[in-house]
Structure formats: C-alpha cells, structure tokens
Amino acid sequence: MNIIITGASRGIGYELVKLLSNNSSHKIFAVSRNKSKLDLLKNECETIQPATQVIPVACDLSSDDDIKSLITTIHQHT
C-alpha cells in the first residue's frame, strides 16, 4: 500500500510513520519541510524494521514547486 503522511517530522505524523513502517509491504512517503528530521525518522524506522520502505520527502505544501516535486517523487517510486 502506498501511504502519504504529512507533518512527518514530529508528533502524530512521526509516530504514525514509525507504526506503519513495521509492515514492509507499505511504501510510506514521509512529508515535511524538515529534511534532516525526516532522514532521522527513516534511520529510526530502518533500525526497527530493516525492510521498511520509508521515503523522506522535503516539501512545503504551500509551495507549488514543492508540490510538483512531491508528485514527481511519488510517481518515481510507485
């Protein structure tokens, strides 16, 4: 299943990515403006489940260019 989670760098979004990443059949697009926190999240998920498919995507959802880049990334991985 392909899953997009916004606000993934902290709080509920962060914890939701961790929870869903336990199932390696999920491809999770973790979206946030903070790339470094997304990279830490991916590393944490890979420590828990090495076969996890967490794809960190730095994106400001108020930016049309960032949204276009997000869509491109999703298409590349699906």
N, C-alpha and C. Protein backbone atom coordinates (compact mmCIF):
# COMPACT_ATOMS: atom_id res chain seq x y z
N MET A 1 0.84 -1.17 0.00
CA MET A 1 0.00 0.00 0.00
C MET A 1 0.89 1.23 0.00
N ASN A 2 0.55 2.21 -0.81
CA ASN A 2 1.25 3.49 -0.82
C ASN A 2 0.55 4.44 0.15
N ILE A 3 1.35 5.05 1.03
CA ILE A 3 0.80 5.92 2.07
C ILE A 3 1.58 7.23 2.07
N ILE A 4 0.86 8.36 2.11
CA ILE A 4 1.48 9.67 2.22
C ILE A 4 1.12 10.24 3.59
N ILE A 5 2.14 10.61 4.36
CA ILE A 5 1.91 11.20 5.68
C ILE A 5 2.59 12.56 5.71
N THR A 6 1.78 13.60 5.89
CA THR A 6 2.32 14.95 6.01
C THR A 6 2.58 15.25 7.48
N GLY A 7 3.45 16.21 7.73
CA GLY A 7 3.79 16.55 9.12
C GLY A 7 4.56 15.42 9.78
N ALA A 8 5.39 14.72 8.98
CA ALA A 8 6.04 13.51 9.46
C ALA A 8 7.30 13.76 10.28
N SER A 9 7.71 15.00 10.43
CA SER A 9 8.96 15.25 11.16
C SER A 9 8.78 15.31 12.68
N ARG A 10 7.52 15.31 13.13
CA ARG A 10 7.31 15.34 14.59
C ARG A 10 5.88 14.94 14.93
N GLY A 11 5.63 14.74 16.19
CA GLY A 11 4.28 14.49 16.69
C GLY A 11 3.59 13.27 16.12
N ILE A 12 2.30 13.43 15.85
CA ILE A 12 1.48 12.32 15.38
C ILE A 12 1.99 11.77 14.05
N GLY A 13 2.38 12.65 13.13
CA GLY A 13 2.90 12.20 11.84
C GLY A 13 4.13 11.33 11.99
N TYR A 14 5.04 11.73 12.85
CA TYR A 14 6.27 10.98 13.11
C TYR A 14 5.95 9.60 13.66
N GLU A 15 5.10 9.56 14.65
CA GLU A 15 4.74 8.28 15.28
C GLU A 15 3.95 7.38 14.33
N LEU A 16 3.12 7.97 13.49
CA LEU A 16 2.34 7.20 12.52
C LEU A 16 3.27 6.54 11.50
N VAL A 17 4.27 7.25 11.03
CA VAL A 17 5.25 6.66 10.11
C VAL A 17 5.94 5.48 10.80
N LYS A 18 6.36 5.65 12.03
CA LYS A 18 7.03 4.55 12.75
C LYS A 18 6.11 3.34 12.87
N LEU A 19 4.86 3.57 13.21
CA LEU A 19 3.91 2.48 13.37
C LEU A 19 3.68 1.74 12.05
N LEU A 20 3.42 2.48 10.99
CA LEU A 20 3.13 1.86 9.70
C LEU A 20 4.35 1.22 9.05
N SER A 21 5.53 1.68 9.41
CA SER A 21 6.75 1.14 8.81
C SER A 21 7.07 -0.27 9.29
N ASN A 22 6.39 -0.72 10.32
CA ASN A 22 6.60 -2.10 10.78
C ASN A 22 6.16 -3.10 9.73
N ASN A 23 5.26 -2.71 8.84
CA ASN A 23 4.79 -3.57 7.76
C ASN A 23 5.58 -3.19 6.50
N SER A 24 6.51 -4.06 6.11
CA SER A 24 7.39 -3.72 4.99
C SER A 24 6.68 -3.69 3.64
N SER A 25 5.43 -4.11 3.59
CA SER A 25 4.70 -4.01 2.32
C SER A 25 4.17 -2.60 2.08
N HIS A 26 4.19 -1.76 3.12
CA HIS A 26 3.77 -0.37 2.97
C HIS A 26 4.92 0.46 2.40
N LYS A 27 4.63 1.29 1.43
CA LYS A 27 5.58 2.28 0.93
C LYS A 27 5.08 3.62 1.48
N ILE A 28 5.86 4.20 2.38
CA ILE A 28 5.42 5.39 3.11
C ILE A 28 6.21 6.61 2.65
N PHE A 29 5.49 7.60 2.15
CA PHE A 29 6.08 8.87 1.78
C PHE A 29 5.93 9.80 2.98
N ALA A 30 7.04 10.02 3.68
CA ALA A 30 7.05 10.88 4.86
C ALA A 30 7.35 12.30 4.41
N VAL A 31 6.38 13.20 4.57
CA VAL A 31 6.48 14.55 4.02
C VAL A 31 6.56 15.58 5.15
N SER A 32 7.53 16.48 5.01
CA SER A 32 7.70 17.57 5.97
C SER A 32 8.66 18.58 5.34
N ARG A 33 8.72 19.76 5.90
CA ARG A 33 9.68 20.76 5.43
C ARG A 33 11.08 20.46 5.95
N ASN A 34 11.19 19.69 7.03
CA ASN A 34 12.47 19.48 7.71
C ASN A 34 13.13 18.18 7.24
N LYS A 35 14.00 18.29 6.24
CA LYS A 35 14.67 17.12 5.65
C LYS A 35 15.52 16.36 6.66
N SER A 36 16.23 17.05 7.52
CA SER A 36 17.11 16.36 8.48
C SER A 36 16.31 15.50 9.45
N LYS A 37 15.17 15.99 9.91
CA LYS A 37 14.34 15.18 10.81
C LYS A 37 13.72 13.99 10.07
N LEU A 38 13.40 14.18 8.79
CA LEU A 38 12.87 13.06 8.00
C LEU A 38 13.93 11.98 7.83
N ASP A 39 15.17 12.38 7.62
CA ASP A 39 16.26 11.41 7.49
C ASP A 39 16.46 10.65 8.80
N LEU A 40 16.36 11.34 9.92
CA LEU A 40 16.45 10.66 11.22
C LEU A 40 15.31 9.67 11.39
N LEU A 41 14.12 10.06 10.98
CA LEU A 41 12.95 9.18 11.06
C LEU A 41 13.17 7.94 10.22
N LYS A 42 13.65 8.10 9.00
CA LYS A 42 13.91 6.94 8.14
C LYS A 42 14.91 6.01 8.79
N ASN A 43 15.99 6.55 9.34
CA ASN A 43 17.00 5.73 10.00
C ASN A 43 16.42 4.98 11.20
N GLU A 44 15.59 5.66 11.97
CA GLU A 44 14.95 5.02 13.12
C GLU A 44 14.05 3.87 12.67
N CYS A 45 13.29 4.09 11.62
CA CYS A 45 12.40 3.04 11.10
C CYS A 45 13.20 1.86 10.57
N GLU A 46 14.31 2.13 9.90
CA GLU A 46 15.15 1.05 9.37
C GLU A 46 15.82 0.25 10.48
N THR A 47 16.07 0.88 11.61
CA THR A 47 16.62 0.16 12.76
C THR A 47 15.59 -0.83 13.31
N ILE A 48 14.34 -0.40 13.35
CA ILE A 48 13.26 -1.24 13.86
C ILE A 48 12.90 -2.33 12.85
N GLN A 49 12.79 -1.97 11.58
CA GLN A 49 12.38 -2.89 10.51
C GLN A 49 13.28 -2.63 9.30
N PRO A 50 14.35 -3.43 9.15
CA PRO A 50 15.31 -3.17 8.07
C PRO A 50 14.70 -3.16 6.65
N ALA A 51 13.60 -3.85 6.44
CA ALA A 51 12.98 -3.91 5.12
C ALA A 51 11.96 -2.80 4.89
N THR A 52 11.91 -1.85 5.80
CA THR A 52 10.92 -0.78 5.69
C THR A 52 11.11 0.03 4.41
N GLN A 53 10.03 0.63 3.93
CA GLN A 53 10.07 1.46 2.73
C GLN A 53 9.59 2.87 3.07
N VAL A 54 10.38 3.59 3.82
CA VAL A 54 10.07 4.97 4.16
C VAL A 54 10.85 5.87 3.20
N ILE A 55 10.13 6.73 2.51
CA ILE A 55 10.74 7.64 1.55
C ILE A 55 10.56 9.07 2.08
N PRO A 56 11.63 9.68 2.58
CA PRO A 56 11.52 11.04 3.09
C PRO A 56 11.43 12.05 1.94
N VAL A 57 10.47 12.97 2.05
CA VAL A 57 10.29 13.98 1.01
C VAL A 57 10.18 15.35 1.68
N ALA A 58 11.19 16.19 1.48
CA ALA A 58 11.13 17.56 2.00
C ALA A 58 10.21 18.36 1.09
N CYS A 59 9.17 18.92 1.67
CA CYS A 59 8.17 19.63 0.86
C CYS A 59 7.43 20.64 1.72
N ASP A 60 7.33 21.85 1.20
CA ASP A 60 6.49 22.88 1.81
C ASP A 60 5.18 22.87 1.02
N LEU A 61 4.12 22.42 1.64
CA LEU A 61 2.84 22.26 0.94
C LEU A 61 2.20 23.57 0.52
N SER A 62 2.79 24.69 0.90
CA SER A 62 2.29 25.98 0.43
C SER A 62 3.02 26.44 -0.83
N SER A 63 3.97 25.62 -1.31
CA SER A 63 4.75 25.96 -2.49
C SER A 63 4.34 25.08 -3.67
N ASP A 64 3.90 25.71 -4.74
CA ASP A 64 3.51 24.96 -5.94
C ASP A 64 4.68 24.14 -6.49
N ASP A 65 5.88 24.71 -6.48
CA ASP A 65 7.05 23.99 -6.98
C ASP A 65 7.35 22.76 -6.13
N ASP A 66 7.24 22.89 -4.82
CA ASP A 66 7.48 21.75 -3.93
C ASP A 66 6.42 20.66 -4.14
N ILE A 67 5.20 21.05 -4.36
CA ILE A 67 4.13 20.07 -4.60
C ILE A 67 4.39 19.33 -5.90
N LYS A 68 4.82 20.01 -6.94
CA LYS A 68 5.16 19.36 -8.20
C LYS A 68 6.30 18.37 -8.00
N SER A 69 7.28 18.76 -7.21
CA SER A 69 8.40 17.87 -6.91
C SER A 69 7.92 16.64 -6.12
N LEU A 70 7.01 16.85 -5.18
CA LEU A 70 6.44 15.74 -4.40
C LEU A 70 5.74 14.75 -5.33
N ILE A 71 4.94 15.26 -6.24
CA ILE A 71 4.21 14.40 -7.18
C ILE A 71 5.19 13.61 -8.04
N THR A 72 6.24 14.26 -8.50
CA THR A 72 7.27 13.58 -9.29
C THR A 72 7.92 12.46 -8.49
N THR A 73 8.26 12.74 -7.24
CA THR A 73 8.87 11.72 -6.37
C THR A 73 7.95 10.54 -6.19
N ILE A 74 6.68 10.80 -5.96
CA ILE A 74 5.71 9.72 -5.77
C ILE A 74 5.64 8.86 -7.03
N HIS A 75 5.57 9.49 -8.19
CA HIS A 75 5.50 8.74 -9.46
C HIS A 75 6.77 7.90 -9.68
N GLN A 76 7.90 8.42 -9.26
CA GLN A 76 9.16 7.69 -9.44
C GLN A 76 9.21 6.42 -8.59
N HIS A 77 8.52 6.42 -7.46
CA HIS A 77 8.61 5.30 -6.52
C HIS A 77 7.39 4.37 -6.56
N THR A 78 6.44 4.63 -7.42
CA THR A 78 5.27 3.76 -7.47
C THR A 78 5.16 3.05 -8.80
